[in-house]
Amino acid sequence: MKKKYKILLLSLVFMFTALFLYQVGKVNKDDDVISGIYDRKFNDYVVFYPQHQDDEVLWGGSAIVEAIRQRGSDHVFVVLVSDGSGVNVFKNKQYKGLSREEKSKLRNNEFKAALKDMGISEENTIILSQIDDNEGTHFEKMKETALEFERKCKSVTHIAHSYKYDNHPMHRRNGKVIQKLYSNNEIKDAIYFIKPDYAKKVKKEKRVIYISKNNEDYKKIKDACLEYKLINKAANRYGIGYTSAHTYFDYLLRDKHLTSILHLPLKK
């Protein structure tokens, strides 16, 4: 009888040990943070160039919050390059008959609310479609804006999309604007958003990582994400960003660090 109890006890010990190790393995896997340069210092002024409404938080939320921490909200700007009117969501019949300007306004309602949550004022928000006389892409205006910041502010970090690793052609074109200026020594400091799927294509010494550092940071970025999910027709809010890119939002919000991955200029 004692032998049976001993065997049972040993079996239970083995089972709980295995379960414990399994849980530890899961925790360690979840806690695994991508390697790279953490909290790289920004220059005195920081300018983000998201191509579309929602890109700023999806790929750069923690970077924006850290830039404000390092340089103060007065020194951090966000320049929206596209008007966002071409998103597939607008093919739904509820948006039929809306002008390009009206579609853009609906998207900008979400964009401005998200920036406010992260600490960016309207005074530091530049929407190129509202100041460019040309419709369509605004890459030439983006170039002019970057050069103007460089001329006026001298010490600037410019942050655009990856010109090499992104599945969206407009994102790559966005990044090429800044990369060309950097390659020509017209701007002095540039880094680039990169989607998590492409992070391992960049060597760790070229990866730049920002994460939320506390509950306050986390809340700012999460609230900014939720602005793109909010539906409140009385306030002209239709959850367009989340409807358009829900998989990206869900992926980000599953990351307890709300990681922003960027890369330094890469060799050809």
Protein backbone atom coordinates (compact mmCIF):
# COMPACT_ATOMS: atom_id res chain seq x y z
CA MET A 1 0.00 0.00 0.00
CA LYS A 2 2.80 2.40 0.96
CA LYS A 3 4.50 1.64 -2.34
CA LYS A 4 1.33 2.60 -4.24
CA TYR A 5 1.06 5.91 -2.35
CA LYS A 6 4.71 6.60 -3.06
CA ILE A 7 4.23 5.96 -6.77
CA LEU A 8 1.10 8.16 -6.79
CA LEU A 9 2.92 10.94 -4.98
CA LEU A 10 5.86 10.80 -7.38
CA SER A 11 3.44 10.86 -10.32
CA LEU A 12 1.72 13.96 -8.95
CA VAL A 13 5.05 15.69 -8.34
CA PHE A 14 6.14 14.91 -11.90
CA MET A 15 2.84 16.14 -13.34
CA PHE A 16 2.90 19.46 -11.44
CA THR A 17 6.58 19.97 -12.28
CA ALA A 18 5.86 19.45 -15.97
CA LEU A 19 2.88 21.83 -15.77
CA PHE A 20 5.01 24.45 -14.01
CA LEU A 21 7.76 24.24 -16.62
CA TYR A 22 5.17 24.49 -19.39
CA GLN A 23 3.69 27.64 -17.86
CA VAL A 24 7.15 29.16 -17.35
CA GLY A 25 7.94 28.43 -20.99
CA LYS A 26 4.76 30.19 -22.05
CA VAL A 27 5.51 33.23 -19.90
CA ASN A 28 9.06 33.46 -21.18
CA LYS A 29 7.83 33.24 -24.74
CA ASP A 30 5.27 35.99 -24.16
CA ASP A 31 7.86 38.12 -22.41
CA ASP A 32 10.36 37.74 -25.25
CA VAL A 33 11.11 41.23 -26.54
CA ILE A 34 12.67 41.80 -29.94
CA SER A 35 16.33 42.75 -29.80
CA GLY A 36 17.59 46.08 -31.09
CA ILE A 37 18.57 49.57 -29.98
CA TYR A 38 16.19 50.58 -27.21
CA ASP A 39 15.19 54.19 -26.51
CA ARG A 40 17.46 55.71 -29.14
CA LYS A 41 17.73 59.42 -28.45
CA PHE A 42 15.84 61.76 -30.72
CA ASN A 43 17.24 65.06 -31.93
CA ASP A 44 15.83 68.30 -30.49
CA TYR A 45 12.78 68.20 -32.79
CA VAL A 46 10.97 65.08 -33.96
CA VAL A 47 8.74 64.84 -37.04
CA PHE A 48 6.65 61.75 -37.85
CA TYR A 49 5.31 61.26 -41.40
CA PRO A 50 2.52 58.63 -41.32
CA GLN A 51 1.16 57.95 -44.78
CA HIS A 52 -2.41 57.24 -43.66
CA GLN A 53 -4.58 57.92 -40.65
CA ASP A 54 -3.88 55.08 -38.15
CA ASP A 55 -0.28 54.47 -39.30
CA GLU A 56 0.97 56.81 -36.59
CA VAL A 57 -0.31 54.60 -33.75
CA LEU A 58 -0.03 51.19 -35.42
CA TRP A 59 3.68 51.53 -36.17
CA GLY A 60 4.79 54.46 -34.03
CA GLY A 61 2.61 54.84 -30.94
CA SER A 62 5.32 54.06 -28.41
CA ALA A 63 7.85 56.07 -30.43
CA ILE A 64 5.59 59.14 -30.32
CA VAL A 65 5.08 58.84 -26.56
CA GLU A 66 8.82 58.42 -26.01
CA ALA A 67 9.62 61.38 -28.28
CA ILE A 68 7.35 63.57 -26.16
CA ARG A 69 8.99 62.25 -23.00
CA GLN A 70 12.46 63.06 -24.35
CA ARG A 71 11.83 66.37 -26.13
CA GLY A 72 8.51 67.72 -24.86
CA SER A 73 5.22 67.97 -26.72
CA ASP A 74 6.13 71.35 -28.25
CA HIS A 75 8.99 69.70 -30.13
CA VAL A 76 7.10 66.72 -31.61
CA PHE A 77 5.12 67.04 -34.86
CA VAL A 78 3.03 64.67 -36.95
CA VAL A 79 2.70 65.25 -40.70
CA LEU A 80 -0.11 63.27 -42.38
CA VAL A 81 0.87 62.63 -45.99
CA SER A 82 -2.28 61.12 -47.58
CA ASP A 83 -5.88 62.26 -47.25
CA GLY A 84 -6.92 58.63 -46.64
CA SER A 85 -9.94 58.80 -48.91
CA GLY A 86 -8.95 55.74 -50.94
CA VAL A 87 -9.43 53.17 -48.19
CA ASN A 88 -11.58 50.18 -49.22
CA VAL A 89 -14.09 50.83 -46.43
CA PHE A 90 -15.47 53.71 -48.45
CA LYS A 91 -16.74 51.25 -51.06
CA ASN A 92 -19.50 50.30 -48.60
CA LYS A 93 -22.89 51.66 -49.62
CA GLN A 94 -23.28 53.78 -46.47
CA TYR A 95 -20.53 56.07 -47.80
CA LYS A 96 -21.91 56.31 -51.32
CA GLY A 97 -22.07 59.88 -52.58
CA LEU A 98 -19.49 61.31 -50.19
CA SER A 99 -16.91 63.61 -51.72
CA ARG A 100 -13.19 63.01 -51.33
CA GLU A 101 -13.04 65.87 -48.85
CA GLU A 102 -15.91 64.43 -46.79
CA LYS A 103 -14.25 61.00 -46.65
CA SER A 104 -10.99 62.58 -45.58
CA LYS A 105 -12.74 64.53 -42.83
CA LEU A 106 -14.24 61.33 -41.38
CA ARG A 107 -10.81 59.76 -41.25
CA ASN A 108 -9.23 62.87 -39.78
CA ASN A 109 -11.77 62.87 -36.93
CA GLU A 110 -10.25 59.58 -35.79
CA PHE A 111 -6.70 60.71 -36.51
CA LYS A 112 -6.91 63.93 -34.49
CA ALA A 113 -8.54 62.17 -31.54
CA ALA A 114 -5.80 59.51 -31.53
CA LEU A 115 -3.05 62.13 -31.62
CA LYS A 116 -4.67 64.03 -28.77
CA ASP A 117 -4.68 60.86 -26.65
CA MET A 118 -0.95 60.46 -27.25
CA GLY A 119 -0.18 64.10 -26.43
CA ILE A 120 0.08 65.73 -29.87
CA SER A 121 -1.76 69.04 -30.19
CA GLU A 122 -3.59 70.23 -33.30
CA GLU A 123 -1.01 73.01 -33.57
CA ASN A 124 1.65 70.35 -34.06
CA THR A 125 -0.41 68.35 -36.55
CA ILE A 126 0.09 69.05 -40.26
CA ILE A 127 -2.32 67.52 -42.79
CA LEU A 128 -0.72 67.90 -46.21
CA SER A 129 -3.94 67.46 -48.19
CA GLN A 130 -5.24 70.63 -46.55
CA ILE A 131 -2.26 72.77 -47.55
CA ASP A 132 -1.34 71.23 -50.91
CA ASP A 133 -3.06 72.61 -54.00
CA ASN A 134 -2.67 69.28 -55.80
CA GLU A 135 -5.01 66.32 -55.28
CA GLY A 136 -3.73 62.77 -55.12
CA THR A 137 -0.35 62.01 -53.59
CA HIS A 138 1.48 64.69 -51.62
CA PHE A 139 5.04 63.41 -51.72
CA GLU A 140 6.47 66.61 -53.15
CA LYS A 141 4.82 68.57 -50.35
CA MET A 142 6.20 66.04 -47.88
CA LYS A 143 9.69 66.70 -49.21
CA GLU A 144 9.21 70.47 -48.94
CA THR A 145 7.90 70.11 -45.39
CA ALA A 146 10.85 67.98 -44.29
CA LEU A 147 13.33 70.48 -45.74
CA GLU A 148 11.49 73.35 -44.04
CA PHE A 149 11.71 71.61 -40.66
CA GLU A 150 15.40 70.93 -41.25
CA ARG A 151 16.06 74.55 -42.19
CA LYS A 152 14.13 76.08 -39.30
CA CYS A 153 14.83 73.64 -36.47
CA LYS A 154 18.37 72.46 -37.38
CA SER A 155 18.39 69.42 -35.07
CA VAL A 156 15.58 67.15 -36.35
CA THR A 157 14.83 63.43 -36.35
CA HIS A 158 12.58 62.56 -39.32
CA ILE A 159 10.51 59.36 -39.06
CA ALA A 160 8.84 57.88 -42.13
CA HIS A 161 7.81 54.42 -43.35
CA SER A 162 10.34 51.82 -44.40
CA TYR A 163 11.39 52.43 -47.98
CA LYS A 164 12.49 48.81 -48.34
CA TYR A 165 10.40 46.50 -46.16
CA ASP A 166 6.66 47.15 -46.39
CA ASN A 167 3.84 45.46 -48.28
CA HIS A 168 2.14 48.79 -49.06
CA PRO A 169 3.60 50.60 -52.11
CA MET A 170 2.57 54.03 -50.80
CA HIS A 171 4.41 53.37 -47.55
CA ARG A 172 7.57 52.54 -49.49
CA ARG A 173 7.23 55.70 -51.57
CA ASN A 174 6.76 57.67 -48.36
CA GLY A 175 10.00 56.26 -46.95
CA LYS A 176 11.89 56.91 -50.17
CA VAL A 177 11.17 60.63 -49.88
CA ILE A 178 12.98 60.84 -46.56
CA GLN A 179 15.68 58.34 -47.49
CA LYS A 180 16.59 60.32 -50.62
CA LEU A 181 16.93 63.50 -48.56
CA TYR A 182 19.08 61.63 -46.05
CA SER A 183 21.26 60.06 -48.77
CA ASN A 184 21.80 63.50 -50.30
CA ASN A 185 22.79 64.93 -46.88
CA GLU A 186 19.82 67.31 -47.00
CA ILE A 187 18.63 66.01 -43.64
CA LYS A 188 20.87 64.69 -40.87
CA ASP A 189 18.84 62.06 -38.98
CA ALA A 190 16.18 59.62 -40.18
CA ILE A 191 14.58 56.40 -38.96
CA TYR A 192 11.78 54.33 -40.44
CA PHE A 193 8.66 52.47 -39.25
CA ILE A 194 8.74 48.76 -39.95
CA LYS A 195 5.89 46.30 -39.55
CA PRO A 196 6.58 43.39 -37.16
CA ASP A 197 6.41 40.84 -39.99
CA TYR A 198 9.51 42.40 -41.54
CA ALA A 199 11.51 43.09 -38.39
CA LYS A 200 13.76 40.06 -38.73
CA LYS A 201 14.82 41.17 -42.20
CA VAL A 202 16.72 43.98 -40.49
CA LYS A 203 19.85 43.21 -38.47
CA LYS A 204 19.42 43.86 -34.76
CA GLU A 205 22.07 46.59 -34.77
CA LYS A 206 19.88 48.48 -37.25
CA ARG A 207 16.60 47.97 -35.37
CA VAL A 208 15.32 50.75 -33.13
CA ILE A 209 12.76 49.78 -30.49
CA TYR A 210 10.39 51.82 -28.33
CA ILE A 211 7.94 50.29 -25.86
CA SER A 212 5.36 51.58 -23.40
CA LYS A 213 7.16 51.91 -20.07
CA ASN A 214 4.29 52.21 -17.62
CA ASN A 215 0.52 52.08 -17.28
CA GLU A 216 0.19 55.72 -18.30
CA ASP A 217 2.05 55.14 -21.58
CA TYR A 218 0.04 52.00 -22.23
CA LYS A 219 -3.27 53.79 -21.67
CA LYS A 220 -2.36 56.65 -24.02
CA ILE A 221 -1.55 54.30 -26.87
CA LYS A 222 -4.44 51.93 -26.23
CA ASP A 223 -6.87 54.86 -26.09
CA ALA A 224 -5.43 56.11 -29.38
CA CYS A 225 -6.07 52.70 -30.93
CA LEU A 226 -9.64 52.67 -29.66
CA GLU A 227 -10.34 56.04 -31.30
CA TYR A 228 -10.18 54.15 -34.60
CA LYS A 229 -12.73 51.63 -33.35
CA LEU A 230 -15.25 54.07 -31.89
CA ILE A 231 -18.66 54.22 -33.56
CA ASN A 232 -20.70 57.30 -32.67
CA LYS A 233 -22.64 58.54 -35.67
CA ALA A 234 -23.78 61.68 -33.86
CA ALA A 235 -20.11 62.68 -33.63
CA ASN A 236 -19.29 61.52 -37.19
CA ARG A 237 -17.26 58.59 -35.89
CA TYR A 238 -17.59 55.34 -37.84
CA GLY A 239 -14.68 53.14 -36.73
CA ILE A 240 -13.13 53.38 -40.19
CA GLY A 241 -9.54 52.75 -39.15
CA TYR A 242 -10.34 49.57 -37.22
CA THR A 243 -12.66 48.27 -39.94
CA SER A 244 -9.90 48.82 -42.49
CA ALA A 245 -6.97 47.42 -40.48
CA HIS A 246 -8.48 45.36 -37.65
CA THR A 247 -5.84 42.61 -37.86
CA TYR A 248 -3.05 45.14 -37.29
CA PHE A 249 -4.88 46.76 -34.38
CA ASP A 250 -5.62 43.39 -32.79
CA TYR A 251 -1.98 42.34 -33.18
CA LEU A 252 -0.71 45.53 -31.55
CA LEU A 253 -3.15 45.34 -28.64
CA ARG A 254 -2.10 41.75 -27.91
CA ASP A 255 1.43 43.05 -27.33
CA LYS A 256 1.65 44.12 -23.69
CA HIS A 257 4.62 46.35 -24.59
CA LEU A 258 2.81 48.03 -27.54
CA THR A 259 6.13 47.83 -29.33
CA SER A 260 7.13 50.28 -32.06
CA ILE A 261 9.81 48.82 -34.34
CA LEU A 262 11.84 51.12 -36.58
CA HIS A 263 15.07 50.84 -38.49
CA LEU A 264 18.05 53.04 -39.22
CA PRO A 265 19.03 53.81 -42.84
CA LEU A 266 20.11 50.59 -44.53
CA LYS A 267 22.90 49.96 -46.98
CA LYS A 268 21.77 49.19 -50.50
